[in-house]
Protein backbone atom coordinates (compact mmCIF):
# COMPACT_ATOMS: atom_id res chain seq x y z
CA MET A 1 -52.54 18.56 8.69
CA ILE A 2 -53.38 22.23 8.43
CA ILE A 3 -52.08 23.93 5.28
CA THR A 4 -51.78 27.59 5.86
CA HIS A 5 -52.16 30.23 2.46
CA HIS A 6 -48.59 30.19 2.53
CA GLY A 7 -48.49 27.05 1.46
CA THR A 8 -46.48 25.68 4.64
CA ILE A 9 -47.42 22.18 5.63
CA THR A 10 -47.74 21.60 10.27
CA HIS A 11 -48.79 18.84 11.75
CA HIS A 12 -49.96 18.44 15.25
CA GLY A 13 -47.49 16.12 17.34
CA LYS A 14 -45.60 15.61 13.58
CA MET A 15 -44.14 17.86 11.26
CA LYS A 16 -43.70 16.08 7.71
CA PRO A 17 -40.48 16.24 6.13
CA ASP A 18 -39.90 20.07 4.49
CA GLY A 19 -39.19 17.55 0.78
CA PHE A 20 -42.98 17.24 1.19
CA ALA A 21 -43.53 20.38 2.10
CA ARG A 22 -41.73 21.93 -0.90
CA ARG A 23 -42.81 19.47 -3.28
CA PHE A 24 -46.00 20.44 -2.68
CA ALA A 25 -45.55 24.04 -2.26
CA THR A 26 -44.22 23.61 -6.03
CA GLY A 27 -46.48 21.64 -7.12
CA LEU A 28 -48.95 24.69 -6.68
CA SER A 29 -46.91 27.47 -8.02
CA ILE A 30 -46.66 25.64 -11.83
CA LEU A 31 -50.04 25.08 -10.95
CA SER A 32 -51.21 29.02 -10.51
CA LEU A 33 -49.36 29.77 -13.49
CA SER A 34 -50.19 26.76 -15.78
CA LEU A 35 -54.00 27.93 -14.89
CA PHE A 36 -54.02 31.09 -15.10
CA PHE A 37 -53.04 31.05 -18.65
CA GLY A 38 -54.62 27.91 -19.45
CA LEU A 39 -57.94 30.76 -18.53
CA LEU A 40 -56.89 32.83 -21.04
CA ARG A 41 -57.09 30.55 -23.47
CA SER A 42 -60.07 29.06 -22.97
CA GLN A 43 -62.21 32.33 -22.23
CA ASN A 44 -60.95 32.11 -26.77
CA VAL A 45 -63.12 29.36 -26.80
CA HIS A 46 -66.00 29.60 -29.93
CA PRO A 47 -66.79 33.33 -28.66
CA ASP A 48 -69.53 33.92 -31.21
CA ALA A 49 -71.55 30.90 -29.89
CA ASP A 50 -74.68 31.45 -28.54
CA PRO A 51 -74.73 30.52 -24.80
CA ASP A 52 -76.33 27.38 -25.25
CA ALA A 53 -74.00 25.94 -27.78
CA GLY A 54 -71.02 27.30 -25.10
CA PHE A 55 -72.36 25.33 -22.65
CA LEU A 56 -72.75 22.27 -24.15
CA HIS A 57 -68.94 22.87 -25.58
CA ALA A 58 -67.58 24.11 -22.30
CA ALA A 59 -69.48 21.02 -20.73
CA SER A 60 -68.09 18.17 -22.76
CA ALA A 61 -64.63 19.76 -22.90
CA ALA A 62 -64.53 19.76 -18.97
CA GLN A 63 -66.61 15.65 -19.03
CA MET A 64 -63.06 14.44 -20.68
CA GLY A 65 -60.50 16.71 -19.09
CA GLU A 66 -62.30 15.68 -15.40
CA LEU A 67 -62.09 11.83 -16.68
CA ARG A 68 -59.40 12.04 -17.54
CA LEU A 69 -57.70 13.34 -14.08
CA ALA A 70 -59.76 10.90 -12.28
CA GLN A 71 -58.41 8.07 -14.15
CA LEU A 72 -55.12 9.81 -13.42
CA ALA A 73 -55.67 9.90 -9.45
CA GLN A 74 -57.47 6.31 -9.56
CA LYS A 75 -53.61 5.06 -10.47
CA GLN A 76 -52.15 8.20 -8.43
CA GLY A 77 -53.27 8.41 -5.68
CA MET A 78 -52.03 7.57 -2.28
CA SER A 79 -55.16 7.39 0.34
CA GLU A 80 -57.93 6.28 0.42
CA ALA A 81 -60.61 9.02 0.65
CA ILE A 82 -58.93 10.18 -2.80
CA LYS A 83 -59.26 6.47 -5.16
CA GLN A 84 -63.06 6.55 -3.70
CA PHE A 85 -63.38 10.18 -5.03
CA ALA A 86 -61.64 9.08 -8.71
CA ASN A 87 -63.57 6.07 -8.61
CA ARG A 88 -66.74 7.26 -8.18
CA VAL A 89 -65.99 10.39 -10.30
CA ALA A 90 -64.48 8.51 -13.03
CA ASN A 91 -67.99 6.90 -12.89
CA ASP A 92 -70.12 9.73 -13.36
CA GLU A 93 -68.25 11.37 -16.10
CA ALA A 94 -68.32 8.17 -18.23
CA LYS A 95 -71.88 8.07 -17.59
CA ALA A 96 -71.34 11.83 -18.51
CA GLY A 97 -69.57 11.53 -21.28
CA ASP A 98 -72.24 9.43 -23.29
CA ASP A 99 -75.29 11.74 -22.69
CA LEU A 100 -73.39 14.83 -24.11
CA LYS A 101 -72.83 12.71 -27.11
CA ALA A 102 -76.61 11.83 -27.40
CA LEU A 103 -77.12 15.38 -26.67
CA SER A 104 -74.98 16.92 -29.45
CA SER A 105 -76.51 14.42 -32.17
CA GLN A 106 -80.06 15.23 -30.39
CA THR A 107 -79.15 18.98 -30.55
CA GLY A 108 -76.54 18.93 -34.03
CA MET A 109 -74.11 21.20 -31.67
CA PRO A 110 -71.10 20.62 -31.69
CA LEU A 111 -68.89 18.72 -29.13
CA ALA A 112 -65.44 19.80 -27.45
CA LYS A 113 -62.91 17.94 -29.19
CA SER A 114 -60.77 17.61 -26.44
CA TYR A 115 -60.37 18.82 -22.82
CA ASN A 116 -59.47 22.38 -21.97
CA ALA A 117 -56.40 24.16 -20.99
CA LYS A 118 -57.34 24.34 -17.70
CA ASP A 119 -57.52 20.68 -16.84
CA GLY A 120 -54.57 19.89 -19.52
CA ALA A 121 -52.46 22.05 -17.30
CA TYR A 122 -53.82 20.16 -14.32
CA TYR A 123 -52.73 17.02 -15.45
CA ASP A 124 -49.28 18.43 -16.31
CA THR A 125 -48.62 19.26 -12.65
CA LEU A 126 -50.16 16.13 -11.83
CA ALA A 127 -48.18 13.57 -13.45
CA GLY A 128 -45.04 15.11 -11.59
CA LEU A 129 -46.15 14.47 -8.59
CA SER A 130 -47.11 11.33 -6.11
CA GLY A 131 -48.45 10.54 -3.05
CA THR A 132 -49.13 13.21 -0.48
CA SER A 133 -48.56 15.44 -2.72
CA PHE A 134 -50.67 14.58 -5.58
CA ASP A 135 -53.75 13.25 -3.24
CA GLY A 136 -53.14 17.37 -2.26
CA VAL A 137 -53.00 19.22 -5.23
CA TYR A 138 -55.69 17.00 -6.90
CA ILE A 139 -58.13 16.94 -4.38
CA SER A 140 -57.95 21.16 -3.89
CA ALA A 141 -58.37 21.11 -7.64
CA MET A 142 -61.19 19.35 -7.93
CA VAL A 143 -63.20 21.65 -5.10
CA THR A 144 -62.29 24.60 -6.79
CA ASP A 145 -63.40 22.59 -10.24
CA HIS A 146 -66.82 21.29 -9.26
CA ARG A 147 -67.24 25.55 -7.75
CA GLU A 148 -67.14 26.24 -10.81
CA ASP A 149 -69.12 23.88 -12.58
CA ILE A 150 -72.03 23.95 -10.71
CA ALA A 151 -72.34 27.47 -11.22
CA ALA A 152 -72.05 27.23 -14.95
CA PHE A 153 -74.78 24.21 -14.71
CA GLN A 154 -77.00 26.60 -12.78
CA LYS A 155 -76.55 29.13 -14.86
CA GLU A 156 -77.73 27.01 -18.25
CA ALA A 157 -80.72 25.15 -15.36
CA ASP A 158 -82.16 28.75 -15.05
CA GLY A 159 -81.21 30.65 -18.28
CA GLY A 160 -80.55 28.21 -21.08
CA LYS A 161 -82.75 28.01 -23.66
CA ASN A 162 -82.59 25.26 -25.16
CA ALA A 163 -84.76 22.97 -23.17
CA MET A 164 -82.55 19.10 -23.80
CA LEU A 165 -79.69 21.16 -21.97
CA LYS A 166 -81.80 23.08 -19.70
CA ASP A 167 -83.09 19.63 -18.81
CA TYR A 168 -79.58 17.73 -18.66
CA ALA A 169 -77.96 21.03 -16.69
CA SER A 170 -80.68 20.53 -13.94
CA ARG A 171 -80.74 17.03 -13.87
CA SER A 172 -76.38 16.88 -13.88
CA LEU A 173 -76.57 19.85 -10.48
CA PRO A 174 -76.62 16.97 -7.84
CA ILE A 175 -74.05 14.52 -9.26
CA LEU A 176 -72.14 17.69 -9.42
CA GLN A 177 -73.48 18.55 -6.00
CA GLU A 178 -72.15 14.81 -4.33
CA HIS A 179 -68.88 15.48 -5.75
CA LEU A 180 -67.96 18.15 -4.54
CA LYS A 181 -69.88 17.28 -1.21
CA LEU A 182 -67.14 14.46 -1.58
CA ALA A 183 -64.17 16.41 -2.64
CA GLU A 184 -64.26 18.96 0.59
CA ASP A 185 -64.79 15.95 2.89
CA ALA A 186 -62.01 13.97 1.38
CA ALA A 187 -59.69 17.50 1.28
CA ASN A 188 -60.82 17.82 5.35
CA GLN A 189 -59.54 14.28 5.39
CA LEU A 190 -55.87 15.37 4.50
CA GLY A 191 -56.36 18.42 6.20
CA VAL A 192 -55.90 20.29 3.39
CA ASN A 193 -58.14 23.73 2.94
CA PRO A 194 -58.72 23.95 -0.77
CA THR A 195 -59.14 27.37 0.14
CA LYS A 196 -55.53 27.98 -0.21
CA THR A 197 -54.17 25.70 -1.87
CA GLY A 198 -55.47 27.23 -5.67
CA GLY A 199 -57.49 25.08 -8.34
CA ARG A 200 -61.39 24.90 -12.52
């Protein structure tokens, strides 16, 4: 399966029904609009906080959002690649939640109260999809999410001031990088090009 930048889906030897292409394109259009407004809202979270506190807040919001999305994918994903990826992410994010709570207690810095607006937009869009439409949009979102997560964690690992948060970011990077590799592999198996289908 090949997904072009116009959202058209073609196959070598077979064509998917038009309904699949329309559902996939519609899901991506809704997702793009939702994420645009979600990003505007997320940029206003704790604007005056110090960078370390901002990192912990953002990391905890992302943890809650990605866990929630993985749990949705465990139920609604169709392909084995998506289910395996979702299982791995769900397990790792549950552990990350415990680590973040400990860090909050140790540093006195607050965690986010809920997932961020961007992951909320992902969830709302994906909840209305199923089958291959769900798989394609979900894995595209996860590739984009993890690329952004890695950049944020690398920035904290390199330039953070709080030793505990720097250590947490450094320890988390290999896990996030493995998640990204798994997401990219799953996207390749499904014939999805995340750079063309949008995605945190």
